[in-house]
Amino acid sequence: MALAGETGALETPPRISDATLRDSAHMAGVEFGPEDAAAIAGLLVRTGVELVEVGMVSGPGSKDADLVLAAHEAVGPERSMTLLVVRDRRQVASALDEAERLGVRHIMYSIPTSEQHARLKLDSPSPKFLQALARSAITQAKERGFHVTFSGEDGARTPRERLVPYVEAGFAAGADRFRLAETVAYLSPWQMERVIGDIAAIDGAEIEIHSHNMLGMAVANSLAAVRAGARWISATVGGIGERGGNAPLAELLTTLRVIHGDTRFDLTHLTELSRLALRGAGLGDAFQSGPTTPHAFAYELPGQLNHPEAYETLPAELVGNRRALRVRSRLTPALVGWALAGSGLDVDLEAFTAWLTERQERDGRPPLDRDAIREAAAAFRPVPA
């Protein structure tokens, strides 16, 4: 355990990774270009962040290829990590091919561990299937020479009897690090200590924590995880991220400085980082994480809109908020269908989505919500075949 001594200093200060350039792809309506990615990555490394997580790859032709390459150019592939989606063995091989093409050296596998998420994304809640899939994915990556972090997506809600054998299987397959993803904010700091303590006790385990901030405890939970034996904390600039955001980097680093006397980081870059990231994301200067923000319950993925109970521990209405669609360029017929449901508007979803995508590109990709999509659908006149 990395307990604080009489001076407050942590015996094992945490290493920091930053997921701004990856988690932003999941945050509704937020996207960065290569120029922003290079500038943000450079400032993060100058601040003292060890690993910049950038982009997401599920197969060939990744939409995030330009971001990954820009980050590599700015800070080098050794200081970058890219997320690979895991759904089945063949898909993993295809994603690894793309990662190799992009020059990626550090990968982070996104693998759903809770029964609810595994059923939705893997079509099977079986713990044995989950472990077999993780072993296969990790073995394939290690054979190709990648540094491998594997996740427990929705790990905070995964029971101990399901989570611990999964983590053990991953390290036995050769993984370098395990990330517990508090995908759905669910734990108090003292509960987090128990969960991390269980997996940090695994022989040779190197643990990272990635918390979401819907309950306002992402920094507290991250520090509790370190107290219980985690070696890494994943944060984002300004708390950028879906579902109330992530552990905000500035708050995390200043907490380490003030409470634990940690002077490893150059905090002079934090204001510039926040302004650059928030403006580049189209969020302005005053974006705040938490359940009452306009972005807290805004989504741009059909599965999150259709299965909000899988991603929310409390409904938007409970805090006087509302669930919303907010999207720039990742338009799909499924998203458009959700926006038009109950409106009485009847359009060809494929044709309308293609037309709307072209209009977005022409107009500089302003964010779209449900009302904007409905207004556009009312004015849509398909070109005759």
Protein backbone atom coordinates (compact mmCIF):
# COMPACT_ATOMS: atom_id res chain seq x y z
CA MET A 1 0.00 0.00 0.00
CA ALA A 2 1.19 3.49 -0.87
CA LEU A 3 0.26 5.00 2.50
CA ALA A 4 1.14 8.55 3.49
CA GLY A 5 3.71 9.06 6.20
CA GLU A 6 3.75 11.79 8.87
CA THR A 7 4.68 14.41 6.25
CA GLY A 8 1.81 13.40 3.98
CA ALA A 9 4.15 12.19 1.24
CA LEU A 10 3.11 9.03 -0.57
CA GLU A 11 5.58 6.18 -0.23
CA THR A 12 5.00 5.32 -3.90
CA PRO A 13 3.86 8.45 -5.77
CA PRO A 14 1.53 7.59 -8.65
CA ARG A 15 2.52 7.75 -12.29
CA ILE A 16 0.08 9.75 -14.42
CA SER A 17 -1.44 8.96 -17.79
CA ASP A 18 -3.79 11.33 -19.57
CA ALA A 19 -6.76 10.21 -21.67
CA THR A 20 -7.90 13.60 -23.04
CA LEU A 21 -7.13 12.65 -26.64
CA ARG A 22 -8.93 9.33 -26.30
CA ASP A 23 -11.84 10.00 -23.95
CA SER A 24 -12.77 13.08 -25.97
CA ALA A 25 -13.76 10.75 -28.81
CA HIS A 26 -16.40 9.28 -26.49
CA MET A 27 -17.65 12.64 -25.23
CA ALA A 28 -20.68 13.75 -27.18
CA GLY A 29 -19.99 16.49 -29.70
CA VAL A 30 -16.26 16.79 -28.90
CA GLU A 31 -13.48 16.19 -31.40
CA PHE A 32 -9.88 17.33 -31.75
CA GLY A 33 -7.87 17.81 -34.92
CA PRO A 34 -4.25 16.74 -35.40
CA GLU A 35 -2.90 20.22 -34.66
CA ASP A 36 -4.69 20.37 -31.31
CA ALA A 37 -3.62 16.80 -30.54
CA ALA A 38 0.05 17.60 -31.11
CA ALA A 39 -0.10 20.74 -28.97
CA ILE A 40 -1.98 19.03 -26.12
CA ALA A 41 0.30 16.00 -26.15
CA GLY A 42 3.37 18.21 -26.06
CA LEU A 43 2.11 20.24 -23.11
CA LEU A 44 1.10 17.10 -21.21
CA VAL A 45 4.59 15.65 -21.49
CA ARG A 46 6.15 18.98 -20.48
CA THR A 47 3.87 18.96 -17.43
CA GLY A 48 5.23 15.58 -16.42
CA VAL A 49 2.53 13.22 -17.64
CA GLU A 50 4.24 9.94 -18.52
CA LEU A 51 1.79 8.52 -21.04
CA VAL A 52 -0.58 10.29 -23.45
CA GLU A 53 -3.52 8.11 -24.44
CA VAL A 54 -4.68 9.01 -27.93
CA GLY A 55 -7.28 7.56 -30.27
CA MET A 56 -9.22 4.35 -30.55
CA VAL A 57 -8.73 1.51 -33.04
CA SER A 58 -11.16 -1.31 -33.77
CA GLY A 59 -9.92 -2.33 -37.22
CA PRO A 60 -8.51 -0.97 -40.49
CA GLY A 61 -9.08 2.63 -41.55
CA SER A 62 -9.27 4.09 -38.04
CA LYS A 63 -10.93 7.51 -37.89
CA ASP A 64 -8.38 8.48 -35.25
CA ALA A 65 -5.30 7.66 -37.35
CA ASP A 66 -4.39 11.35 -37.88
CA LEU A 67 -4.60 12.03 -34.12
CA VAL A 68 -2.39 9.04 -33.31
CA LEU A 69 0.21 10.05 -35.87
CA ALA A 70 0.16 13.68 -34.69
CA ALA A 71 0.78 12.60 -31.09
CA HIS A 72 3.61 10.32 -32.21
CA GLU A 73 5.18 13.23 -34.07
CA ALA A 74 4.88 15.50 -31.03
CA VAL A 75 5.99 13.20 -28.19
CA GLY A 76 7.01 9.90 -29.78
CA PRO A 77 5.25 6.52 -29.75
CA GLU A 78 6.96 5.54 -26.47
CA ARG A 79 5.03 8.31 -24.68
CA SER A 80 1.73 7.44 -26.39
CA MET A 81 -0.86 4.73 -25.88
CA THR A 82 -3.83 3.82 -28.09
CA LEU A 83 -7.00 2.02 -27.10
CA LEU A 84 -7.97 -1.14 -28.99
CA VAL A 85 -11.55 -2.35 -28.84
CA VAL A 86 -11.96 -6.06 -28.05
CA ARG A 87 -15.06 -7.90 -29.23
CA ASP A 88 -13.80 -11.24 -30.64
CA ARG A 89 -10.52 -12.91 -31.63
CA ARG A 90 -10.67 -12.04 -35.35
CA GLN A 91 -11.49 -8.40 -34.61
CA VAL A 92 -8.51 -8.22 -32.24
CA ALA A 93 -6.13 -9.40 -34.96
CA SER A 94 -7.48 -6.76 -37.34
CA ALA A 95 -7.09 -4.02 -34.71
CA LEU A 96 -3.51 -5.09 -34.00
CA ASP A 97 -2.73 -4.91 -37.71
CA GLU A 98 -3.96 -1.30 -37.76
CA ALA A 99 -2.02 -0.44 -34.59
CA GLU A 100 1.16 -1.79 -36.17
CA ARG A 101 0.51 0.23 -39.33
CA LEU A 102 0.26 3.39 -37.23
CA GLY A 103 3.47 2.65 -35.34
CA VAL A 104 1.72 2.19 -31.98
CA ARG A 105 3.83 0.55 -29.27
CA HIS A 106 1.61 0.85 -26.19
CA ILE A 107 -1.94 -0.48 -26.45
CA MET A 108 -4.79 -0.52 -23.98
CA TYR A 109 -7.43 -3.18 -24.51
CA SER A 110 -11.00 -2.16 -23.74
CA ILE A 111 -12.69 -5.31 -22.42
CA PRO A 112 -16.09 -5.18 -20.66
CA THR A 113 -15.99 -7.13 -17.39
CA SER A 114 -19.35 -6.53 -15.71
CA GLU A 115 -22.05 -9.03 -16.56
CA GLN A 116 -24.26 -6.25 -17.92
CA HIS A 117 -21.64 -4.78 -20.24
CA ALA A 118 -20.32 -8.20 -21.33
CA ARG A 119 -23.83 -9.26 -22.33
CA LEU A 120 -24.33 -6.05 -24.33
CA LYS A 121 -20.93 -6.00 -26.06
CA LEU A 122 -19.70 -9.58 -26.13
CA ASP A 123 -23.09 -11.32 -26.42
CA SER A 124 -22.09 -13.48 -23.47
CA PRO A 125 -21.95 -12.84 -19.71
CA SER A 126 -19.82 -15.97 -19.18
CA PRO A 127 -16.74 -15.35 -16.97
CA LYS A 128 -14.91 -18.20 -18.73
CA PHE A 129 -15.52 -16.64 -22.13
CA LEU A 130 -14.35 -13.26 -20.81
CA GLN A 131 -11.11 -14.74 -19.49
CA ALA A 132 -10.48 -16.74 -22.67
CA LEU A 133 -11.00 -13.64 -24.82
CA ALA A 134 -8.63 -11.59 -22.68
CA ARG A 135 -5.95 -14.29 -22.73
CA SER A 136 -6.17 -14.56 -26.51
CA ALA A 137 -6.04 -10.79 -27.05
CA ILE A 138 -3.11 -10.29 -24.68
CA THR A 139 -1.15 -13.23 -26.09
CA GLN A 140 -1.59 -11.96 -29.65
CA ALA A 141 -0.34 -8.50 -28.69
CA LYS A 142 2.65 -9.72 -26.68
CA GLU A 143 3.70 -11.99 -29.56
CA ARG A 144 3.86 -8.84 -31.72
CA GLY A 145 5.93 -6.95 -29.15
CA PHE A 146 3.35 -4.49 -27.81
CA HIS A 147 3.32 -3.14 -24.26
CA VAL A 148 -0.14 -4.22 -23.09
CA THR A 149 -2.53 -2.63 -20.61
CA PHE A 150 -5.83 -4.48 -20.34
CA SER A 151 -8.92 -2.93 -18.83
CA GLY A 152 -11.83 -3.91 -16.74
CA GLU A 153 -14.48 -1.80 -18.45
CA ASP A 154 -17.25 -1.23 -15.89
CA GLY A 155 -14.82 -2.86 -13.46
CA ALA A 156 -16.13 -0.90 -10.48
CA ARG A 157 -19.47 -2.75 -10.73
CA THR A 158 -17.86 -6.13 -11.40
CA PRO A 159 -18.14 -8.45 -8.37
CA ARG A 160 -14.90 -9.59 -6.76
CA GLU A 161 -15.52 -13.25 -7.67
CA ARG A 162 -15.73 -12.24 -11.34
CA LEU A 163 -13.07 -9.50 -11.42
CA VAL A 164 -10.15 -11.09 -9.57
CA PRO A 165 -9.94 -14.29 -11.71
CA TYR A 166 -10.14 -12.12 -14.84
CA VAL A 167 -7.24 -9.93 -13.70
CA GLU A 168 -5.23 -13.00 -12.69
CA ALA A 169 -5.82 -14.52 -16.14
CA GLY A 170 -4.66 -11.34 -17.87
CA PHE A 171 -1.38 -11.12 -15.98
CA ALA A 172 -0.78 -14.85 -16.44
CA ALA A 173 -1.11 -14.24 -20.22
CA GLY A 174 1.69 -11.67 -20.06
CA ALA A 175 -0.09 -8.30 -19.67
CA ASP A 176 2.03 -5.43 -18.34
CA ARG A 177 -0.66 -3.44 -16.54
CA PHE A 178 -4.34 -3.64 -15.57
CA ARG A 179 -6.65 -0.62 -15.65
CA LEU A 180 -9.73 -0.64 -13.46
CA ALA A 181 -12.25 1.55 -15.28
CA GLU A 182 -14.86 3.11 -13.05
CA THR A 183 -16.91 3.44 -16.24
CA VAL A 184 -20.02 4.07 -14.20
CA ALA A 185 -19.23 6.15 -11.09
CA TYR A 186 -20.19 3.70 -8.38
CA LEU A 187 -17.70 3.59 -5.50
CA SER A 188 -16.80 5.70 -2.49
CA PRO A 189 -13.09 6.10 -1.69
CA TRP A 190 -13.22 3.47 1.05
CA GLN A 191 -15.00 1.04 -1.27
CA MET A 192 -12.41 1.77 -3.95
CA GLU A 193 -9.64 0.84 -1.51
CA ARG A 194 -11.21 -2.59 -1.00
CA VAL A 195 -11.60 -3.24 -4.74
CA ILE A 196 -8.07 -2.13 -5.60
CA GLY A 197 -6.64 -3.98 -2.61
CA ASP A 198 -8.07 -7.24 -3.92
CA ILE A 199 -6.39 -6.94 -7.31
CA ALA A 200 -3.19 -5.22 -6.17
CA ALA A 201 -2.56 -8.30 -4.03
CA ILE A 202 -2.16 -10.41 -7.19
CA ASP A 203 1.49 -11.35 -7.59
CA GLY A 204 3.24 -9.04 -10.06
CA ALA A 205 0.16 -6.87 -10.64
CA GLU A 206 0.64 -3.27 -11.80
CA ILE A 207 -2.68 -1.44 -11.41
CA GLU A 208 -4.07 1.77 -12.92
CA ILE A 209 -7.29 3.55 -11.98
CA HIS A 210 -9.52 5.39 -14.47
CA SER A 211 -12.43 7.09 -12.68
CA HIS A 212 -15.43 8.99 -13.99
CA ASN A 213 -16.66 11.99 -12.06
CA MET A 214 -20.46 11.75 -12.08
CA LEU A 215 -20.49 11.63 -8.28
CA GLY A 216 -17.72 14.23 -7.94
CA MET A 217 -15.28 11.73 -6.40
CA ALA A 218 -12.95 10.88 -9.31
CA VAL A 219 -9.89 12.52 -7.73
CA ALA A 220 -10.69 11.15 -4.27
CA ASN A 221 -11.25 7.67 -5.66
CA SER A 222 -8.03 7.86 -7.67
CA LEU A 223 -6.02 8.74 -4.57
CA ALA A 224 -7.80 6.02 -2.58
CA ALA A 225 -6.77 3.57 -5.29
CA VAL A 226 -3.14 4.65 -4.90
CA ARG A 227 -3.42 4.24 -1.14
CA ALA A 228 -4.56 0.67 -1.76
CA GLY A 229 -1.71 -0.18 -4.13
CA ALA A 230 -2.49 1.27 -7.59
CA ARG A 231 0.61 2.61 -9.34
CA TRP A 232 -1.04 4.71 -12.10
CA ILE A 233 -3.83 7.30 -12.30
CA SER A 234 -5.59 8.13 -15.57
CA ALA A 235 -6.88 11.72 -15.82
CA THR A 236 -8.03 14.22 -18.47
CA VAL A 237 -7.50 17.95 -19.01
CA GLY A 238 -10.42 19.87 -17.55
CA GLY A 239 -12.08 16.58 -16.66
CA ILE A 240 -13.06 16.13 -20.34
CA GLY A 241 -15.00 12.91 -20.83
CA GLU A 242 -18.42 11.36 -20.95
CA ARG A 243 -20.77 10.80 -17.99
CA GLY A 244 -19.73 13.74 -15.83
CA GLY A 245 -16.15 13.69 -17.05
CA ASN A 246 -13.01 12.03 -15.71
CA ALA A 247 -10.55 12.81 -12.94
CA PRO A 248 -9.54 16.38 -13.90
CA LEU A 249 -5.79 16.64 -14.35
CA ALA A 250 -5.37 20.08 -12.76
CA GLU A 251 -7.30 19.12 -9.63
CA LEU A 252 -5.40 15.83 -9.40
CA LEU A 253 -1.93 17.35 -9.74
CA THR A 254 -2.65 20.25 -7.40
CA THR A 255 -4.06 17.80 -4.85
CA LEU A 256 -0.88 15.75 -5.08
CA ARG A 257 1.13 18.95 -4.56
CA VAL A 258 -0.90 20.40 -1.68
CA ILE A 259 -1.84 17.28 0.27
CA HIS A 260 1.10 15.00 -0.49
CA GLY A 261 3.90 17.44 -1.20
CA ASP A 262 4.45 15.97 -4.68
CA THR A 263 6.59 18.43 -6.68
CA ARG A 264 7.35 16.21 -9.69
CA PHE A 265 5.03 18.10 -12.04
CA ASP A 266 5.42 21.46 -13.77
CA LEU A 267 2.06 23.01 -12.96
CA THR A 268 2.73 26.19 -14.94
CA HIS A 269 1.33 24.54 -18.08
CA LEU A 270 -2.06 23.63 -16.57
CA THR A 271 -3.90 26.86 -17.40
CA GLU A 272 -2.71 26.86 -20.99
CA LEU A 273 -3.57 23.18 -21.28
CA SER A 274 -7.09 23.74 -20.00
CA ARG A 275 -7.73 26.70 -22.29
CA LEU A 276 -6.32 24.91 -25.32
CA ALA A 277 -8.20 21.67 -24.69
CA LEU A 278 -11.54 23.18 -23.74
CA ARG A 279 -11.57 25.69 -26.60
CA GLY A 280 -10.39 23.06 -29.06
CA ALA A 281 -13.19 20.82 -27.90
CA GLY A 282 -15.73 23.59 -28.41
CA LEU A 283 -16.54 23.67 -24.68
CA GLY A 284 -15.43 27.22 -23.89
CA ASP A 285 -13.40 28.28 -20.87
CA ALA A 286 -15.84 27.34 -18.14
CA PHE A 287 -16.58 23.66 -18.70
CA GLN A 288 -17.08 21.83 -15.42
CA SER A 289 -17.48 18.11 -14.80
CA GLY A 290 -20.34 16.71 -12.75
CA PRO A 291 -23.95 15.59 -13.14
CA THR A 292 -25.48 19.04 -13.72
CA THR A 293 -23.44 20.06 -16.78
CA PRO A 294 -24.96 20.13 -20.27
CA HIS A 295 -22.61 17.29 -21.26
CA ALA A 296 -23.19 14.98 -18.31
CA PHE A 297 -25.98 12.98 -19.95
CA ALA A 298 -25.25 13.84 -23.59
CA TYR A 299 -24.30 10.96 -25.87
CA GLU A 300 -23.31 10.33 -29.46
CA LEU A 301 -23.32 6.52 -29.44
CA PRO A 302 -26.58 4.67 -30.19
CA GLY A 303 -25.96 2.04 -27.51
CA GLN A 304 -25.68 4.69 -24.81
CA LEU A 305 -28.90 6.38 -25.88
CA ASN A 306 -30.77 3.08 -26.16
CA HIS A 307 -29.33 1.55 -22.97
CA PRO A 308 -28.72 4.51 -20.63
CA GLU A 309 -29.21 2.28 -17.60
CA ALA A 310 -25.91 0.58 -18.50
CA TYR A 311 -24.04 3.87 -18.19
CA GLU A 312 -25.87 5.84 -15.51
CA THR A 313 -26.14 5.18 -11.79
CA LEU A 314 -28.77 7.91 -11.55
CA PRO A 315 -31.16 9.29 -14.17
CA ALA A 316 -30.66 12.77 -15.58
CA GLU A 317 -34.05 13.90 -14.34
CA LEU A 318 -33.09 13.22 -10.70
CA VAL A 319 -30.72 16.19 -10.79
CA GLY A 320 -32.95 18.36 -12.98
CA ASN A 321 -30.96 17.53 -16.10
CA ARG A 322 -31.98 15.77 -19.29
CA ARG A 323 -30.58 13.13 -21.59
CA ALA A 324 -29.52 14.46 -24.96
CA LEU A 325 -27.87 13.70 -28.27
CA ARG A 326 -24.88 15.86 -29.17
CA VAL A 327 -22.77 14.93 -32.18
CA ARG A 328 -20.44 16.59 -34.69
CA SER A 329 -19.15 14.11 -37.26
CA ARG A 330 -19.96 10.63 -35.97
CA LEU A 331 -23.47 10.63 -37.37
CA THR A 332 -25.08 7.24 -38.04
CA PRO A 333 -28.58 6.22 -39.17
CA ALA A 334 -29.13 4.74 -35.68
CA LEU A 335 -28.44 8.12 -34.04
CA VAL A 336 -30.68 9.91 -36.53
CA GLY A 337 -33.40 7.32 -35.91
CA TRP A 338 -33.22 7.97 -32.16
CA ALA A 339 -33.48 11.73 -32.73
CA LEU A 340 -36.52 11.38 -35.01
CA ALA A 341 -38.38 8.79 -32.91
CA GLY A 342 -41.79 10.13 -31.94
CA SER A 343 -41.47 13.22 -34.14
CA GLY A 344 -43.81 12.03 -36.90
CA LEU A 345 -41.11 12.85 -39.48
CA ASP A 346 -40.67 10.15 -42.11
CA VAL A 347 -37.37 10.20 -44.01
CA ASP A 348 -35.03 7.64 -45.54
CA LEU A 349 -32.53 7.33 -42.67
CA GLU A 350 -29.59 6.31 -44.87
CA ALA A 351 -30.13 9.09 -47.41
CA PHE A 352 -30.86 11.72 -44.79
CA THR A 353 -27.80 10.78 -42.72
CA ALA A 354 -25.55 11.00 -45.78
CA TRP A 355 -27.02 14.41 -46.68
CA LEU A 356 -26.68 15.68 -43.12
CA THR A 357 -23.07 14.47 -42.92
CA GLU A 358 -22.21 16.37 -46.10
CA ARG A 359 -23.85 19.49 -44.72
CA GLN A 360 -21.89 19.17 -41.47
CA GLU A 361 -18.62 18.96 -43.33
CA ARG A 362 -19.53 21.97 -45.46
CA ASP A 363 -20.57 24.06 -42.44
CA GLY A 364 -17.56 23.26 -40.26
CA ARG A 365 -19.22 20.55 -38.17
CA PRO A 366 -21.28 22.54 -35.67
CA PRO A 367 -22.65 20.22 -32.95
CA LEU A 368 -26.09 18.76 -33.60
CA ASP A 369 -28.72 17.92 -31.00
CA ARG A 370 -32.12 16.27 -31.39
CA ASP A 371 -33.92 19.54 -32.20
CA ALA A 372 -31.39 20.46 -34.90
CA ILE A 373 -31.68 17.03 -36.51
CA ARG A 374 -35.48 17.22 -36.47
CA GLU A 375 -35.40 20.71 -37.99
CA ALA A 376 -33.09 19.48 -40.75
CA ALA A 377 -35.28 16.44 -41.39
CA ALA A 378 -38.34 18.65 -41.82
CA ALA A 379 -36.51 20.57 -44.54
CA PHE A 380 -34.90 17.53 -46.19
CA ARG A 381 -35.82 16.96 -49.81
CA PRO A 382 -34.03 13.92 -51.28
CA VAL A 383 -32.61 14.21 -54.76
CA PRO A 384 -34.69 12.06 -57.15
CA ALA A 385 -32.95 8.89 -58.29
